């Protein structure tokens, strides 16, 4: 029986995060209002590990940003993204729920 060890690899992951800056602006008539700008913070990281380790980390990192509109992680390589989507589609529903909610309680 030939057991193969998972292949370690590295991949580039791009991060787009929005950093809201609320500034008070004044009307000429004297009234004020909030003006929100959202500059994008771009970053590129290199993640190492097996494909599955990278995919789990990617999923967890994106879930942390799920309520930050427009923010998220993306694979730099479209082939890696396609592999991630195929991997995620192959998971059973219980595993998907565990990845999404972590140790949270679902009613």
N, C-alpha and C. Protein backbone atom coordinates (compact mmCIF):
# COMPACT_ATOMS: atom_id res chain seq x y z
N UNK A 1 0.85 -1.18 0.00
CA UNK A 1 0.00 0.00 0.00
C UNK A 1 0.89 1.24 0.00
N UNK A 2 0.66 2.14 -0.94
CA UNK A 2 1.47 3.33 -1.09
C UNK A 2 0.70 4.54 -0.57
N UNK A 3 1.10 5.06 0.59
CA UNK A 3 0.47 6.25 1.13
C UNK A 3 1.28 7.47 0.69
N UNK A 4 0.58 8.42 0.13
CA UNK A 4 1.28 9.62 -0.31
C UNK A 4 1.04 10.73 0.71
N UNK A 5 2.07 11.49 0.96
CA UNK A 5 1.92 12.63 1.86
C UNK A 5 1.44 13.82 1.05
N UNK A 6 0.59 14.65 1.66
CA UNK A 6 0.11 15.83 0.94
C UNK A 6 1.27 16.73 0.54
N UNK A 7 1.18 17.29 -0.63
CA UNK A 7 2.24 18.14 -1.16
C UNK A 7 2.10 19.54 -0.58
N UNK A 8 3.19 20.03 0.00
CA UNK A 8 3.20 21.40 0.50
C UNK A 8 3.39 22.34 -0.68
N UNK A 9 2.73 23.47 -0.62
CA UNK A 9 2.80 24.43 -1.71
C UNK A 9 2.67 25.84 -1.15
N UNK A 10 2.83 26.82 -1.98
CA UNK A 10 2.58 28.20 -1.57
C UNK A 10 1.79 28.89 -2.68
N UNK A 11 0.96 29.85 -2.29
CA UNK A 11 0.16 30.59 -3.26
C UNK A 11 -0.01 32.02 -2.79
N UNK A 12 -0.21 32.92 -3.73
CA UNK A 12 -0.45 34.32 -3.41
C UNK A 12 -1.94 34.55 -3.20
N UNK A 13 -2.25 35.30 -2.16
CA UNK A 13 -3.63 35.64 -1.86
C UNK A 13 -3.72 37.16 -1.75
N UNK A 14 -4.64 37.76 -2.50
CA UNK A 14 -4.84 39.20 -2.46
C UNK A 14 -5.94 39.51 -1.44
N UNK A 15 -5.76 40.60 -0.71
CA UNK A 15 -6.73 41.01 0.29
C UNK A 15 -7.21 42.41 -0.08
N UNK A 16 -8.51 42.57 -0.22
CA UNK A 16 -9.11 43.88 -0.42
C UNK A 16 -9.93 44.19 0.81
N UNK A 17 -9.50 45.20 1.55
CA UNK A 17 -10.24 45.60 2.75
C UNK A 17 -10.60 47.07 2.62
N UNK A 18 -11.76 47.41 3.11
CA UNK A 18 -12.19 48.79 3.11
C UNK A 18 -12.03 49.34 4.51
N UNK A 19 -11.48 50.52 4.60
CA UNK A 19 -11.24 51.18 5.87
C UNK A 19 -12.08 52.46 5.90
N UNK A 20 -13.28 52.39 6.48
CA UNK A 20 -14.16 53.57 6.41
C UNK A 20 -13.61 54.75 7.20
N UNK A 21 -13.69 55.90 6.60
CA UNK A 21 -13.32 57.15 7.27
C UNK A 21 -14.53 58.06 7.22
N UNK A 22 -15.14 58.30 8.36
CA UNK A 22 -16.29 59.19 8.41
C UNK A 22 -15.82 60.60 8.74
N UNK A 23 -16.22 61.52 7.92
CA UNK A 23 -15.83 62.91 8.11
C UNK A 23 -17.08 63.78 8.13
N UNK A 24 -17.11 64.73 9.01
CA UNK A 24 -18.23 65.66 9.05
C UNK A 24 -17.99 66.77 8.05
N UNK A 25 -18.98 67.01 7.23
CA UNK A 25 -18.90 68.10 6.27
C UNK A 25 -20.01 69.09 6.59
N UNK A 26 -19.78 70.31 6.25
CA UNK A 26 -20.75 71.37 6.55
C UNK A 26 -21.36 71.90 5.26
N UNK A 27 -22.69 72.11 5.31
CA UNK A 27 -23.37 72.80 4.22
C UNK A 27 -23.04 74.29 4.30
N UNK A 28 -23.19 74.97 3.20
CA UNK A 28 -22.96 76.43 3.20
C UNK A 28 -23.94 77.12 4.14
N UNK A 29 -25.12 76.51 4.32
CA UNK A 29 -26.14 77.11 5.19
C UNK A 29 -25.84 76.89 6.68
N UNK A 30 -24.84 76.07 6.97
CA UNK A 30 -24.45 75.86 8.37
C UNK A 30 -24.73 74.47 8.91
N UNK A 31 -25.59 73.70 8.24
CA UNK A 31 -25.88 72.33 8.71
C UNK A 31 -24.73 71.39 8.42
N UNK A 32 -24.69 70.27 9.11
CA UNK A 32 -23.62 69.31 8.90
C UNK A 32 -24.14 67.93 8.53
N UNK A 33 -23.30 67.12 7.95
CA UNK A 33 -23.66 65.74 7.62
C UNK A 33 -22.39 64.89 7.61
N UNK A 34 -22.60 63.58 7.74
CA UNK A 34 -21.47 62.65 7.67
C UNK A 34 -21.19 62.29 6.22
N UNK A 35 -19.96 62.33 5.87
CA UNK A 35 -19.53 61.87 4.55
C UNK A 35 -18.60 60.68 4.78
N UNK A 36 -18.96 59.54 4.24
CA UNK A 36 -18.17 58.34 4.46
C UNK A 36 -17.38 58.01 3.20
N UNK A 37 -16.09 57.89 3.37
CA UNK A 37 -15.24 57.44 2.27
C UNK A 37 -14.68 56.08 2.66
N UNK A 38 -14.41 55.27 1.67
CA UNK A 38 -13.91 53.92 1.95
C UNK A 38 -12.67 53.65 1.11
N UNK A 39 -11.52 54.08 1.57
CA UNK A 39 -10.31 53.75 0.81
C UNK A 39 -10.01 52.26 0.88
N UNK A 40 -9.55 51.74 -0.23
CA UNK A 40 -9.24 50.31 -0.31
C UNK A 40 -7.81 50.09 0.16
N UNK A 41 -7.65 49.09 1.01
CA UNK A 41 -6.31 48.68 1.45
C UNK A 41 -6.02 47.36 0.75
N UNK A 42 -5.11 47.38 -0.18
CA UNK A 42 -4.74 46.16 -0.89
C UNK A 42 -3.48 45.58 -0.28
N UNK A 43 -3.45 44.29 -0.19
CA UNK A 43 -2.30 43.60 0.38
C UNK A 43 -2.18 42.26 -0.33
N UNK A 44 -1.00 41.77 -0.46
CA UNK A 44 -0.77 40.45 -1.02
C UNK A 44 0.04 39.65 -0.02
N UNK A 45 -0.45 38.47 0.30
CA UNK A 45 0.24 37.58 1.22
C UNK A 45 0.56 36.28 0.50
N UNK A 46 1.59 35.62 0.95
CA UNK A 46 1.92 34.29 0.43
C UNK A 46 1.61 33.29 1.52
N UNK A 47 0.68 32.40 1.22
CA UNK A 47 0.28 31.36 2.18
C UNK A 47 0.93 30.06 1.79
N UNK A 48 1.38 29.31 2.79
CA UNK A 48 2.00 28.02 2.54
C UNK A 48 1.24 26.92 3.27
N UNK A 49 1.30 25.73 2.72
CA UNK A 49 0.65 24.57 3.32
C UNK A 49 0.15 23.66 2.22
N UNK A 50 -0.58 22.65 2.62
CA UNK A 50 -1.19 21.77 1.62
C UNK A 50 -2.37 22.53 1.00
N UNK A 51 -2.87 22.03 -0.11
CA UNK A 51 -4.02 22.67 -0.75
C UNK A 51 -5.18 22.79 0.24
N UNK A 52 -5.47 21.70 0.94
CA UNK A 52 -6.61 21.71 1.87
C UNK A 52 -6.39 22.71 3.01
N UNK A 53 -5.17 22.79 3.53
CA UNK A 53 -4.88 23.76 4.59
C UNK A 53 -5.09 25.20 4.09
N UNK A 54 -4.63 25.46 2.89
CA UNK A 54 -4.79 26.79 2.30
C UNK A 54 -6.27 27.10 2.06
N UNK A 55 -7.01 26.12 1.57
CA UNK A 55 -8.43 26.34 1.30
C UNK A 55 -9.20 26.60 2.59
N UNK A 56 -8.90 25.85 3.64
CA UNK A 56 -9.58 26.08 4.93
C UNK A 56 -9.23 27.45 5.49
N UNK A 57 -7.98 27.83 5.38
CA UNK A 57 -7.57 29.17 5.86
C UNK A 57 -8.25 30.27 5.05
N UNK A 58 -8.33 30.07 3.73
CA UNK A 58 -8.98 31.02 2.84
C UNK A 58 -10.45 31.19 3.21
N UNK A 59 -11.13 30.08 3.44
CA UNK A 59 -12.54 30.10 3.79
C UNK A 59 -12.76 30.82 5.13
N UNK A 60 -11.93 30.50 6.11
CA UNK A 60 -12.04 31.12 7.43
C UNK A 60 -11.76 32.62 7.36
N UNK A 61 -10.75 33.00 6.60
CA UNK A 61 -10.40 34.42 6.47
C UNK A 61 -11.52 35.21 5.81
N UNK A 62 -12.13 34.64 4.77
CA UNK A 62 -13.24 35.33 4.10
C UNK A 62 -14.47 35.41 5.00
N UNK A 63 -14.69 34.39 5.81
CA UNK A 63 -15.84 34.42 6.73
C UNK A 63 -15.69 35.52 7.77
N UNK A 64 -14.47 35.83 8.16
CA UNK A 64 -14.24 36.92 9.11
C UNK A 64 -14.65 38.27 8.53
N UNK A 65 -14.59 38.39 7.22
CA UNK A 65 -14.91 39.65 6.57
C UNK A 65 -16.31 39.65 5.94
N UNK A 66 -17.14 38.69 6.28
CA UNK A 66 -18.43 38.56 5.60
C UNK A 66 -19.37 39.74 5.81
N UNK A 67 -19.19 40.50 6.88
CA UNK A 67 -20.05 41.66 7.11
C UNK A 67 -19.37 42.97 6.74
N UNK A 68 -18.19 42.92 6.18
CA UNK A 68 -17.48 44.12 5.73
C UNK A 68 -17.68 44.22 4.22
N UNK A 69 -18.64 45.01 3.82
CA UNK A 69 -19.01 45.11 2.40
C UNK A 69 -17.80 45.42 1.53
N UNK A 70 -17.65 44.63 0.49
CA UNK A 70 -16.58 44.85 -0.47
C UNK A 70 -15.23 44.32 -0.06
N UNK A 71 -15.13 43.79 1.14
CA UNK A 71 -13.85 43.28 1.61
C UNK A 71 -13.78 41.78 1.40
N UNK A 72 -12.60 41.28 1.14
CA UNK A 72 -12.47 39.85 0.98
C UNK A 72 -11.11 39.44 0.46
N UNK A 73 -10.88 38.16 0.48
CA UNK A 73 -9.64 37.56 0.00
C UNK A 73 -9.91 36.95 -1.36
N UNK A 74 -8.92 37.00 -2.24
CA UNK A 74 -9.02 36.41 -3.57
C UNK A 74 -7.71 35.73 -3.89
N UNK A 75 -7.79 34.60 -4.56
CA UNK A 75 -6.57 33.95 -5.02
C UNK A 75 -6.02 34.74 -6.19
N UNK A 76 -4.71 34.89 -6.23
CA UNK A 76 -4.05 35.61 -7.30
C UNK A 76 -4.12 34.82 -8.60
N UNK A 77 -4.19 33.51 -8.49
CA UNK A 77 -4.19 32.61 -9.64
C UNK A 77 -5.61 32.08 -9.87
N UNK A 78 -6.15 32.27 -11.06
CA UNK A 78 -7.52 31.82 -11.34
C UNK A 78 -7.64 30.29 -11.28
N UNK A 79 -6.56 29.57 -11.59
CA UNK A 79 -6.59 28.11 -11.50
C UNK A 79 -6.75 27.67 -10.04
N UNK A 80 -6.10 28.39 -9.13
CA UNK A 80 -6.22 28.09 -7.71
C UNK A 80 -7.65 28.37 -7.24
N UNK A 81 -8.25 29.43 -7.75
CA UNK A 81 -9.63 29.74 -7.40
C UNK A 81 -10.57 28.65 -7.89
N UNK A 82 -10.34 28.15 -9.10
CA UNK A 82 -11.16 27.06 -9.64
C UNK A 82 -11.01 25.80 -8.78
N UNK A 83 -9.79 25.51 -8.33
CA UNK A 83 -9.57 24.35 -7.46
C UNK A 83 -10.30 24.52 -6.13
N UNK A 84 -10.25 25.76 -5.60
CA UNK A 84 -10.95 26.03 -4.33
C UNK A 84 -12.46 25.80 -4.49
N UNK A 85 -13.04 26.32 -5.57
CA UNK A 85 -14.48 26.15 -5.79
C UNK A 85 -14.85 24.68 -5.93
N UNK A 86 -14.03 23.91 -6.64
CA UNK A 86 -14.28 22.47 -6.78
C UNK A 86 -14.16 21.78 -5.42
N UNK A 87 -13.15 22.16 -4.62
CA UNK A 87 -12.98 21.59 -3.29
C UNK A 87 -14.20 21.90 -2.42
N UNK A 88 -14.63 23.17 -2.43
CA UNK A 88 -15.76 23.57 -1.59
C UNK A 88 -17.04 22.85 -2.01
N UNK A 89 -17.27 22.71 -3.32
CA UNK A 89 -18.46 22.00 -3.81
C UNK A 89 -18.45 20.53 -3.43
N UNK A 90 -17.26 19.96 -3.24
CA UNK A 90 -17.16 18.53 -2.90
C UNK A 90 -17.45 18.25 -1.42
N UNK A 91 -17.50 19.29 -0.59
CA UNK A 91 -17.73 19.11 0.84
C UNK A 91 -19.20 18.78 1.11
N UNK A 92 -19.44 18.00 2.16
CA UNK A 92 -20.82 17.74 2.55
C UNK A 92 -21.36 18.95 3.32
N UNK A 93 -22.67 19.01 3.48
CA UNK A 93 -23.31 20.17 4.10
C UNK A 93 -22.88 20.39 5.54
N UNK A 94 -22.65 19.32 6.28
CA UNK A 94 -22.22 19.46 7.68
C UNK A 94 -20.86 20.14 7.76
N UNK A 95 -19.95 19.74 6.90
CA UNK A 95 -18.62 20.35 6.89
C UNK A 95 -18.71 21.82 6.49
N UNK A 96 -19.55 22.13 5.51
CA UNK A 96 -19.73 23.53 5.10
C UNK A 96 -20.27 24.37 6.25
N UNK A 97 -21.25 23.83 6.99
CA UNK A 97 -21.78 24.55 8.14
C UNK A 97 -20.72 24.76 9.20
N UNK A 98 -19.90 23.73 9.47
CA UNK A 98 -18.83 23.86 10.46
C UNK A 98 -17.79 24.90 10.04
N UNK A 99 -17.48 24.95 8.76
CA UNK A 99 -16.54 25.95 8.27
C UNK A 99 -17.12 27.35 8.42
N UNK A 100 -18.41 27.49 8.16
CA UNK A 100 -19.04 28.81 8.18
C UNK A 100 -19.24 29.31 9.61
N UNK A 101 -19.76 28.46 10.49
CA UNK A 101 -20.09 28.88 11.84
C UNK A 101 -18.99 28.62 12.86
N UNK A 102 -17.99 27.86 12.51
CA UNK A 102 -16.93 27.53 13.46
C UNK A 102 -17.51 26.77 14.64
N UNK A 103 -17.25 27.23 15.85
CA UNK A 103 -17.78 26.56 17.04
C UNK A 103 -19.08 27.18 17.53
N UNK A 104 -19.71 27.98 16.68
CA UNK A 104 -20.95 28.64 17.09
C UNK A 104 -22.10 27.66 17.16
N UNK A 105 -23.15 28.09 17.82
CA UNK A 105 -24.34 27.27 17.98
C UNK A 105 -25.36 27.72 16.94
N UNK A 106 -25.90 26.77 16.20
CA UNK A 106 -26.90 27.06 15.17
C UNK A 106 -28.23 26.49 15.66
N UNK A 107 -29.23 27.36 15.71
CA UNK A 107 -30.57 26.89 16.14
C UNK A 107 -31.30 26.24 15.02
